[in-house]
Structure formats: structure tokens, C-alpha cells
Amino acid sequence: MQIYCGTDIIEVARIKDAINNTIGFKENIYTQNEIKNIDAIRSDMKYQRYAGRFAAKEALYKAMSKVLIENKLSMSFLDVEILNSEELNRRPVVYILNENIDKLCKELEISIDISISHISDNAIANAIVKVGKE
């Protein structure tokens, strides 16, 4: 079994500025389900949540990059979806939307764990990717 880790931190103001001033930014980074999921929760934390999802996608790419490169695959922001799971007490869960990456995850028995935290000015995320069984 191999274990890979990725971490990312982002200033909330950068994401807020991009969402408010860059046409198509939100739609190029977040899936419609993510946008709906974030906007359904307390609005005073909206930009922190968007920043957290951005950091989570970056952290996930960092954790998966070696496996992706070895298999000649790339991953875009819209290839993954991160939603809060009601079954897991609103814990974030990663869904792979890209067919080729999903297939690779099943073949290599990849499991993904993601953690997101934020305060008023910053958001941080960690991704742990386990490849294969113990």
C-alpha cells in the first residue's frame, strides 16, 4: 500500500474576488452540486466554504499527482466533486466524476480522505490518498 498526502491553503479574499470579478470562475471550478451545497448553508460563511472546496481540490490533486502522472491522466477542478455528507455528520466526501480517473481509482483500490478547515481569512485542506489494500 502507498499513502500520499496533499495540503493547500488559500486566502478567502482571493476566492471571493475571483467569484465576484471573474466571469465563469465559479462554474469552471465548482460543480452545480457544490454550488448548491455551499449556497444552502449559512450565507455569512459562503466564501470560506468556496475557499475550502478550492483548497480541497488543490490538495487532492497534489496527493494524486504521482498516480495520475504514472497513468498519463490529468485532473481538472470539475473532475471531482466535494460535498458534505449527511450520513457522516456533514463531513466532506470526494466524488470522482471523471470516468477514467474513477476507473483508475477502482483498479488501484484508491481511497480518499479529505479534511477542510477555515477561519474568516483563510481556508486549508488536507487530502490523504491510499493506493491498494493494507
C-alpha atoms as a PDB file:
ATOM      1  CA  MET A   1       0.000   0.000   0.000  1.00  0.00           C
ATOM      2  CA  GLN A   2       1.143   3.529  -0.805  1.00  0.00           C
ATOM      3  CA  ILE A   3      -0.062   6.644   1.010  1.00  0.00           C
ATOM      4  CA  TYR A   4       0.122  10.125  -0.478  1.00  0.00           C
ATOM      5  CA  CYS A   5      -0.699  13.435   1.176  1.00  0.00           C
ATOM      6  CA  GLY A   6      -1.596  16.836  -0.237  1.00  0.00           C
ATOM      7  CA  THR A   7      -2.190  20.136   1.547  1.00  0.00           C
ATOM      8  CA  ASP A   8      -3.345  23.521   0.303  1.00  0.00           C
ATOM      9  CA  ILE A   9      -4.127  26.843   1.942  1.00  0.00           C
ATOM     10  CA  ILE A  10      -5.861  29.815   0.313  1.00  0.00           C
ATOM     11  CA  GLU A  11      -6.853  33.309   1.333  1.00  0.00           C
ATOM     12  CA  VAL A  12     -10.645  33.638   1.353  1.00  0.00           C
ATOM     13  CA  ALA A  13     -10.390  37.140  -0.147  1.00  0.00           C
ATOM     14  CA  ARG A  14      -8.732  35.725  -3.305  1.00  0.00           C
ATOM     15  CA  ILE A  15     -11.630  33.325  -3.891  1.00  0.00           C
ATOM     16  CA  LYS A  16     -14.232  35.999  -3.088  1.00  0.00           C
ATOM     17  CA  ASP A  17     -12.567  38.374  -5.544  1.00  0.00           C
ATOM     18  CA  ALA A  18     -12.376  35.700  -8.257  1.00  0.00           C
ATOM     19  CA  ILE A  19     -16.034  34.714  -7.811  1.00  0.00           C
ATOM     20  CA  ASN A  20     -17.227  38.314  -7.881  1.00  0.00           C
ATOM     21  CA  ASN A  21     -14.916  39.675 -10.603  1.00  0.00           C
ATOM     22  CA  THR A  22     -14.020  36.835 -12.979  1.00  0.00           C
ATOM     23  CA  ILE A  23     -16.712  35.727 -15.392  1.00  0.00           C
ATOM     24  CA  GLY A  24     -17.188  31.954 -15.255  1.00  0.00           C
ATOM     25  CA  PHE A  25     -14.760  31.378 -12.375  1.00  0.00           C
ATOM     26  CA  LYS A  26     -17.310  29.681 -10.149  1.00  0.00           C
ATOM     27  CA  GLU A  27     -18.650  27.472 -12.959  1.00  0.00           C
ATOM     28  CA  ASN A  28     -15.106  26.463 -14.018  1.00  0.00           C
ATOM     29  CA  ILE A  29     -14.067  25.427 -10.515  1.00  0.00           C
ATOM     30  CA  TYR A  30     -17.196  24.114  -8.773  1.00  0.00           C
ATOM     31  CA  THR A  31     -19.840  21.649  -9.911  1.00  0.00           C
ATOM     32  CA  GLN A  32     -23.506  22.668  -9.809  1.00  0.00           C
ATOM     33  CA  ASN A  33     -23.989  20.323  -6.825  1.00  0.00           C
ATOM     34  CA  GLU A  34     -21.127  22.002  -4.951  1.00  0.00           C
ATOM     35  CA  ILE A  35     -22.544  25.463  -5.651  1.00  0.00           C
ATOM     36  CA  LYS A  36     -25.989  24.362  -4.459  1.00  0.00           C
ATOM     37  CA  ASN A  37     -24.479  22.630  -1.385  1.00  0.00           C
ATOM     38  CA  ILE A  38     -22.440  25.682  -0.373  1.00  0.00           C
ATOM     39  CA  ASP A  39     -25.177  28.231  -1.033  1.00  0.00           C
ATOM     40  CA  ALA A  40     -27.687  26.199   1.024  1.00  0.00           C
ATOM     41  CA  ILE A  41     -25.633  26.668   4.203  1.00  0.00           C
ATOM     42  CA  ARG A  42     -25.284  29.874   6.263  1.00  0.00           C
ATOM     43  CA  SER A  43     -24.582  32.678   3.819  1.00  0.00           C
ATOM     44  CA  ASP A  44     -22.159  34.509   6.125  1.00  0.00           C
ATOM     45  CA  MET A  45     -19.690  31.633   5.605  1.00  0.00           C
ATOM     46  CA  LYS A  46     -20.224  31.264   1.855  1.00  0.00           C
ATOM     47  CA  TYR A  47     -16.810  32.470   0.685  1.00  0.00           C
ATOM     48  CA  GLN A  48     -14.980  30.489   3.383  1.00  0.00           C
ATOM     49  CA  ARG A  49     -16.745  27.367   2.121  1.00  0.00           C
ATOM     50  CA  TYR A  50     -15.883  28.127  -1.503  1.00  0.00           C
ATOM     51  CA  ALA A  51     -12.261  28.699  -0.479  1.00  0.00           C
ATOM     52  CA  GLY A  52     -12.260  25.432   1.471  1.00  0.00           C
ATOM     53  CA  ARG A  53     -13.508  23.475  -1.545  1.00  0.00           C
ATOM     54  CA  PHE A  54     -10.897  25.147  -3.741  1.00  0.00           C
ATOM     55  CA  ALA A  55      -8.139  24.207  -1.284  1.00  0.00           C
ATOM     56  CA  ALA A  56      -9.528  20.665  -1.059  1.00  0.00           C
ATOM     57  CA  LYS A  57      -9.410  20.192  -4.833  1.00  0.00           C
ATOM     58  CA  GLU A  58      -5.832  21.526  -4.917  1.00  0.00           C
ATOM     59  CA  ALA A  59      -4.814  19.265  -2.013  1.00  0.00           C
ATOM     60  CA  LEU A  60      -6.417  16.274  -3.715  1.00  0.00           C
ATOM     61  CA  TYR A  61      -4.539  16.956  -6.948  1.00  0.00           C
ATOM     62  CA  LYS A  62      -1.264  17.194  -5.008  1.00  0.00           C
ATOM     63  CA  ALA A  63      -1.966  13.884  -3.275  1.00  0.00           C
ATOM     64  CA  MET A  64      -2.979  12.133  -6.508  1.00  0.00           C
ATOM     65  CA  SER A  65      -0.467  13.712  -8.886  1.00  0.00           C
ATOM     66  CA  LYS A  66       2.098  10.871  -8.807  1.00  0.00           C
ATOM     67  CA  VAL A  67      -0.545   8.234  -9.578  1.00  0.00           C
ATOM     68  CA  LEU A  68      -2.151  10.411 -12.257  1.00  0.00           C
ATOM     69  CA  ILE A  69       1.167  11.156 -13.975  1.00  0.00           C
ATOM     70  CA  GLU A  70       2.203   7.481 -13.887  1.00  0.00           C
ATOM     71  CA  ASN A  71      -1.075   6.611 -15.630  1.00  0.00           C
ATOM     72  CA  LYS A  72      -0.925   9.505 -18.105  1.00  0.00           C
ATOM     73  CA  LEU A  73      -4.026  11.178 -16.707  1.00  0.00           C
ATOM     74  CA  SER A  74      -4.724  14.727 -15.647  1.00  0.00           C
ATOM     75  CA  MET A  75      -7.381  16.094 -13.339  1.00  0.00           C
ATOM     76  CA  SER A  76      -9.345  19.327 -13.628  1.00  0.00           C
ATOM     77  CA  PHE A  77     -11.366  21.077 -10.935  1.00  0.00           C
ATOM     78  CA  LEU A  78     -14.617  19.727 -12.397  1.00  0.00           C
ATOM     79  CA  ASP A  79     -13.360  16.123 -12.415  1.00  0.00           C
ATOM     80  CA  VAL A  80     -14.059  15.904  -8.690  1.00  0.00           C
ATOM     81  CA  GLU A  81     -16.952  16.966  -6.517  1.00  0.00           C
ATOM     82  CA  ILE A  82     -16.693  17.558  -2.785  1.00  0.00           C
ATOM     83  CA  LEU A  83     -19.947  17.557  -0.874  1.00  0.00           C
ATOM     84  CA  ASN A  84     -20.919  17.408   2.766  1.00  0.00           C
ATOM     85  CA  SER A  85     -22.351  14.001   3.620  1.00  0.00           C
ATOM     86  CA  GLU A  86     -25.482  13.966   5.762  1.00  0.00           C
ATOM     87  CA  GLU A  87     -24.717  10.326   6.685  1.00  0.00           C
ATOM     88  CA  LEU A  88     -21.283  11.321   8.009  1.00  0.00           C
ATOM     89  CA  ASN A  89     -22.340  14.306  10.124  1.00  0.00           C
ATOM     90  CA  ARG A  90     -21.701  16.753   7.225  1.00  0.00           C
ATOM     91  CA  ARG A  91     -18.102  15.544   6.759  1.00  0.00           C
ATOM     92  CA  PRO A  92     -16.736  16.327   3.271  1.00  0.00           C
ATOM     93  CA  VAL A  93     -16.709  13.425   0.822  1.00  0.00           C
ATOM     94  CA  VAL A  94     -14.929  13.276  -2.548  1.00  0.00           C
ATOM     95  CA  TYR A  95     -16.770  12.014  -5.614  1.00  0.00           C
ATOM     96  CA  ILE A  96     -14.753  11.307  -8.767  1.00  0.00           C
ATOM     97  CA  LEU A  97     -16.707  12.473 -11.812  1.00  0.00           C
ATOM     98  CA  ASN A  98     -14.059  11.781 -14.465  1.00  0.00           C
ATOM     99  CA  GLU A  99     -14.710   8.314 -15.904  1.00  0.00           C
ATOM    100  CA  ASN A 100     -11.020   7.488 -16.487  1.00  0.00           C
ATOM    101  CA  ILE A 101      -9.912   8.621 -13.038  1.00  0.00           C
ATOM    102  CA  ASP A 102     -12.820   6.778 -11.420  1.00  0.00           C
ATOM    103  CA  LYS A 103     -11.839   3.602 -13.275  1.00  0.00           C
ATOM    104  CA  LEU A 104      -8.221   4.002 -12.152  1.00  0.00           C
ATOM    105  CA  CYS A 105      -9.330   4.506  -8.532  1.00  0.00           C
ATOM    106  CA  LYS A 106     -11.305   1.262  -8.670  1.00  0.00           C
ATOM    107  CA  GLU A 107      -8.493  -0.684 -10.378  1.00  0.00           C
ATOM    108  CA  LEU A 108      -5.832   0.508  -7.906  1.00  0.00           C
ATOM    109  CA  GLU A 109      -8.208   0.359  -4.933  1.00  0.00           C
ATOM    110  CA  ILE A 110      -7.684   4.034  -4.160  1.00  0.00           C
ATOM    111  CA  SER A 111      -9.417   5.510  -1.141  1.00  0.00           C
ATOM    112  CA  ILE A 112      -9.528   9.237  -0.452  1.00  0.00           C
ATOM    113  CA  ASP A 113      -9.950  11.117   2.800  1.00  0.00           C
ATOM    114  CA  ILE A 114     -10.315  14.884   2.833  1.00  0.00           C
ATOM    115  CA  SER A 115     -10.372  17.424   5.641  1.00  0.00           C
ATOM    116  CA  ILE A 116     -11.275  21.106   5.281  1.00  0.00           C
ATOM    117  CA  SER A 117     -10.980  23.922   7.825  1.00  0.00           C
ATOM    118  CA  HIS A 118     -11.456  27.654   7.563  1.00  0.00           C
ATOM    119  CA  ILE A 119     -11.456  30.831   9.569  1.00  0.00           C
ATOM    120  CA  SER A 120     -12.531  34.276   8.416  1.00  0.00           C
ATOM    121  CA  ASP A 121      -9.424  34.945   6.291  1.00  0.00           C
ATOM    122  CA  ASN A 122      -8.028  31.534   5.281  1.00  0.00           C
ATOM    123  CA  ALA A 123      -9.086  28.046   4.310  1.00  0.00           C
ATOM    124  CA  ILE A 124      -6.935  24.924   4.420  1.00  0.00           C
ATOM    125  CA  ALA A 125      -7.452  21.374   3.266  1.00  0.00           C
ATOM    126  CA  ASN A 126      -5.612  18.076   3.561  1.00  0.00           C
ATOM    127  CA  ALA A 127      -6.069  15.067   1.334  1.00  0.00           C
ATOM    128  CA  ILE A 128      -4.875  11.544   2.094  1.00  0.00           C
ATOM    129  CA  VAL A 129      -4.861   9.083  -0.778  1.00  0.00           C
ATOM    130  CA  LYS A 130      -4.317   5.368  -0.074  1.00  0.00           C
ATOM    131  CA  VAL A 131      -3.438   3.176  -3.038  1.00  0.00           C
ATOM    132  CA  GLY A 132      -4.035  -0.559  -2.588  1.00  0.00           C
ATOM    133  CA  LYS A 133      -5.019  -2.650   0.380  1.00  0.00           C
ATOM    134  CA  GLU A 134      -3.055  -2.919   3.625  1.00  0.00           C
END
